[in-house]
N, C-alpha and C. Protein backbone atom coordinates (compact mmCIF):
# COMPACT_ATOMS: atom_id res chain seq x y z
N MET A 1 122.46 112.47 83.59
CA MET A 1 121.82 111.19 83.79
C MET A 1 121.37 111.04 85.23
N LYS A 2 122.24 111.45 86.16
CA LYS A 2 121.93 111.33 87.57
C LYS A 2 120.73 112.20 87.95
N SER A 3 120.67 113.43 87.40
CA SER A 3 119.55 114.32 87.72
C SER A 3 118.25 113.81 87.11
N LEU A 4 118.32 113.16 85.97
CA LEU A 4 117.14 112.59 85.34
C LEU A 4 116.58 111.44 86.19
N LEU A 5 117.46 110.64 86.73
CA LEU A 5 117.05 109.55 87.61
C LEU A 5 116.40 110.10 88.88
N MET A 6 116.99 111.12 89.46
CA MET A 6 116.42 111.74 90.66
C MET A 6 115.05 112.34 90.37
N LEU A 7 114.88 112.96 89.20
CA LEU A 7 113.60 113.53 88.81
C LEU A 7 112.54 112.44 88.67
N ALA A 8 112.91 111.31 88.10
CA ALA A 8 111.99 110.19 87.94
C ALA A 8 111.58 109.63 89.29
N ILE A 9 112.51 109.51 90.21
CA ILE A 9 112.22 109.01 91.54
C ILE A 9 111.29 109.97 92.28
N CYS A 10 111.56 111.25 92.20
CA CYS A 10 110.71 112.25 92.87
C CYS A 10 109.29 112.23 92.30
N ALA A 11 109.17 112.11 90.99
CA ALA A 11 107.85 112.06 90.35
C ALA A 11 107.09 110.83 90.80
N ALA A 12 107.78 109.70 90.90
CA ALA A 12 107.13 108.46 91.33
C ALA A 12 106.62 108.58 92.75
N VAL A 13 107.38 109.22 93.62
CA VAL A 13 106.97 109.40 95.01
C VAL A 13 105.79 110.37 95.09
N LEU A 14 105.82 111.46 94.34
CA LEU A 14 104.77 112.46 94.40
C LEU A 14 103.44 111.95 93.85
N PHE A 15 103.49 111.13 92.81
CA PHE A 15 102.27 110.69 92.15
C PHE A 15 101.84 109.27 92.53
N ALA A 16 102.47 108.71 93.52
CA ALA A 16 102.12 107.36 93.95
C ALA A 16 100.74 107.36 94.60
N GLN A 17 99.94 106.34 94.29
CA GLN A 17 98.63 106.19 94.91
C GLN A 17 98.82 105.68 96.33
N PRO A 18 98.07 106.22 97.28
CA PRO A 18 98.18 105.69 98.64
C PRO A 18 97.64 104.26 98.68
N VAL A 19 98.28 103.41 99.44
CA VAL A 19 97.86 102.02 99.56
C VAL A 19 96.74 101.95 100.59
N ALA A 20 95.65 101.29 100.20
CA ALA A 20 94.53 101.12 101.13
C ALA A 20 94.94 100.14 102.22
N ALA A 21 94.61 100.48 103.43
CA ALA A 21 94.95 99.61 104.56
C ALA A 21 93.73 98.77 104.91
N GLU A 22 93.89 97.47 104.86
CA GLU A 22 92.81 96.58 105.23
C GLU A 22 92.64 96.62 106.74
N LYS A 23 91.40 96.60 107.18
CA LYS A 23 91.15 96.53 108.62
C LYS A 23 89.98 95.59 108.87
N PRO A 24 90.03 94.87 109.97
CA PRO A 24 88.92 93.98 110.28
C PRO A 24 87.69 94.79 110.70
N PRO A 25 86.50 94.31 110.36
CA PRO A 25 85.30 95.03 110.80
C PRO A 25 85.13 94.90 112.31
N ASN A 26 84.55 95.90 112.91
CA ASN A 26 84.32 95.89 114.35
C ASN A 26 82.97 95.23 114.62
N CYS A 27 82.95 93.91 114.63
CA CYS A 27 81.69 93.17 114.78
C CYS A 27 81.17 93.19 116.21
N LYS A 28 81.99 93.54 117.18
CA LYS A 28 81.50 93.67 118.56
C LYS A 28 80.67 94.94 118.70
N LYS A 29 80.99 95.95 117.90
CA LYS A 29 80.26 97.21 117.94
C LYS A 29 78.87 97.04 117.32
N HIS A 30 78.77 96.17 116.33
CA HIS A 30 77.52 95.93 115.62
C HIS A 30 76.93 94.61 116.09
N SER A 31 75.64 94.46 115.93
CA SER A 31 75.01 93.24 116.43
C SER A 31 74.21 92.51 115.35
N PRO A 32 74.90 91.80 114.43
CA PRO A 32 74.15 91.01 113.48
C PRO A 32 73.36 89.95 114.24
N PRO A 33 72.22 89.50 113.86
CA PRO A 33 71.59 89.71 112.55
C PRO A 33 70.69 90.93 112.50
N ARG A 34 70.70 91.78 113.50
CA ARG A 34 69.84 92.97 113.48
C ARG A 34 70.63 94.19 113.07
N CYS A 35 71.02 94.22 111.83
CA CYS A 35 71.80 95.35 111.32
C CYS A 35 70.89 96.51 110.95
N SER A 36 71.40 97.70 111.13
CA SER A 36 70.69 98.92 110.74
C SER A 36 70.57 98.98 109.22
N ARG A 37 69.56 99.66 108.75
CA ARG A 37 69.40 99.86 107.31
C ARG A 37 70.06 101.16 106.84
N VAL A 38 70.76 101.82 107.73
CA VAL A 38 71.46 103.05 107.38
C VAL A 38 72.56 102.73 106.38
N ARG A 39 72.59 103.47 105.28
CA ARG A 39 73.59 103.23 104.25
C ARG A 39 74.87 103.98 104.59
N ASP A 40 75.89 103.22 104.90
CA ASP A 40 77.23 103.74 105.18
C ASP A 40 78.19 102.72 104.56
N PRO A 41 78.27 102.70 103.22
CA PRO A 41 78.94 101.59 102.52
C PRO A 41 80.41 101.42 102.86
N VAL A 42 80.81 100.15 102.83
CA VAL A 42 82.22 99.79 102.97
C VAL A 42 82.56 98.82 101.85
N CYS A 43 83.78 98.91 101.36
CA CYS A 43 84.27 98.03 100.32
C CYS A 43 85.04 96.89 100.99
N GLY A 44 84.57 95.67 100.77
CA GLY A 44 85.23 94.51 101.35
C GLY A 44 86.44 94.09 100.53
N THR A 45 87.32 93.34 101.17
CA THR A 45 88.52 92.85 100.48
C THR A 45 88.17 91.81 99.42
N ASN A 46 86.91 91.39 99.36
CA ASN A 46 86.46 90.46 98.33
C ASN A 46 85.90 91.19 97.11
N GLY A 47 85.95 92.53 97.12
CA GLY A 47 85.49 93.32 95.99
C GLY A 47 84.00 93.61 96.01
N ILE A 48 83.32 93.27 97.08
CA ILE A 48 81.88 93.51 97.22
C ILE A 48 81.66 94.74 98.08
N THR A 49 80.71 95.59 97.66
CA THR A 49 80.31 96.73 98.48
C THR A 49 79.20 96.27 99.41
N PHE A 50 79.40 96.47 100.70
CA PHE A 50 78.40 96.13 101.70
C PHE A 50 77.70 97.43 102.12
N PRO A 51 76.38 97.38 102.38
CA PRO A 51 75.65 98.59 102.74
C PRO A 51 76.20 99.28 103.99
N ASN A 52 76.74 98.50 104.91
CA ASN A 52 77.36 99.05 106.11
C ASN A 52 78.24 97.97 106.74
N GLU A 53 78.98 98.34 107.75
CA GLU A 53 79.94 97.43 108.40
C GLU A 53 79.24 96.23 109.04
N CYS A 54 78.06 96.46 109.58
CA CYS A 54 77.32 95.38 110.22
C CYS A 54 76.96 94.29 109.20
N MET A 55 76.58 94.70 107.99
CA MET A 55 76.23 93.73 106.96
C MET A 55 77.46 92.91 106.54
N LEU A 56 78.63 93.52 106.56
CA LEU A 56 79.86 92.78 106.30
C LEU A 56 80.07 91.74 107.40
N CYS A 57 79.83 92.12 108.65
CA CYS A 57 79.95 91.17 109.77
C CYS A 57 78.97 90.02 109.61
N LEU A 58 77.75 90.34 109.20
CA LEU A 58 76.73 89.32 108.99
C LEU A 58 77.16 88.36 107.88
N PHE A 59 77.71 88.89 106.79
CA PHE A 59 78.21 88.07 105.69
C PHE A 59 79.30 87.12 106.20
N ASN A 60 80.25 87.66 106.95
CA ASN A 60 81.34 86.83 107.48
C ASN A 60 80.80 85.71 108.38
N THR A 61 79.81 86.04 109.20
CA THR A 61 79.23 85.05 110.11
C THR A 61 78.47 83.97 109.33
N GLU A 62 77.62 84.39 108.40
CA GLU A 62 76.79 83.44 107.66
C GLU A 62 77.59 82.51 106.76
N TYR A 63 78.65 83.04 106.15
CA TYR A 63 79.41 82.25 105.18
C TYR A 63 80.78 81.82 105.70
N ASN A 64 81.02 82.02 107.00
CA ASN A 64 82.29 81.65 107.62
C ASN A 64 83.49 82.19 106.84
N LYS A 65 83.45 83.49 106.58
CA LYS A 65 84.50 84.17 105.82
C LYS A 65 85.26 85.12 106.73
N GLY A 66 86.32 85.66 106.22
CA GLY A 66 87.14 86.61 106.96
C GLY A 66 87.36 87.88 106.16
N VAL A 67 86.29 88.36 105.50
CA VAL A 67 86.41 89.56 104.68
C VAL A 67 86.68 90.75 105.59
N LYS A 68 87.63 91.58 105.18
CA LYS A 68 87.99 92.79 105.92
C LYS A 68 87.51 94.00 105.14
N ILE A 69 87.64 95.16 105.74
CA ILE A 69 87.28 96.41 105.10
C ILE A 69 88.50 96.93 104.34
N LEU A 70 88.34 97.10 103.04
CA LEU A 70 89.42 97.65 102.23
C LEU A 70 89.43 99.16 102.35
N ARG A 71 88.22 99.76 102.31
CA ARG A 71 88.08 101.22 102.46
C ARG A 71 86.62 101.56 102.69
N SER A 72 86.36 102.76 103.15
CA SER A 72 85.00 103.26 103.28
C SER A 72 84.49 103.65 101.90
N GLY A 73 83.20 103.49 101.69
CA GLY A 73 82.61 103.84 100.39
C GLY A 73 82.45 102.62 99.50
N ASP A 74 81.94 102.87 98.31
CA ASP A 74 81.72 101.80 97.34
C ASP A 74 83.03 101.29 96.77
N CYS A 75 83.00 100.06 96.33
CA CYS A 75 84.19 99.45 95.69
C CYS A 75 84.39 100.03 94.30
């Protein structure tokens, strides 16, 4: 019984999905409202894919939101 429990714990650790770390966008690096049209998508914590980090900053500014970056790439 003890070895079965240890096996289950080890399997859970090995197959666990990594937790995405939220991070605030670097809006000082980007200068909304003149965002680049270069596509470098980021997934916001609101579940919306933004074309790039600058567009997320613009969204936060225009709508007075605090959306962070959940991960790079599409949601």
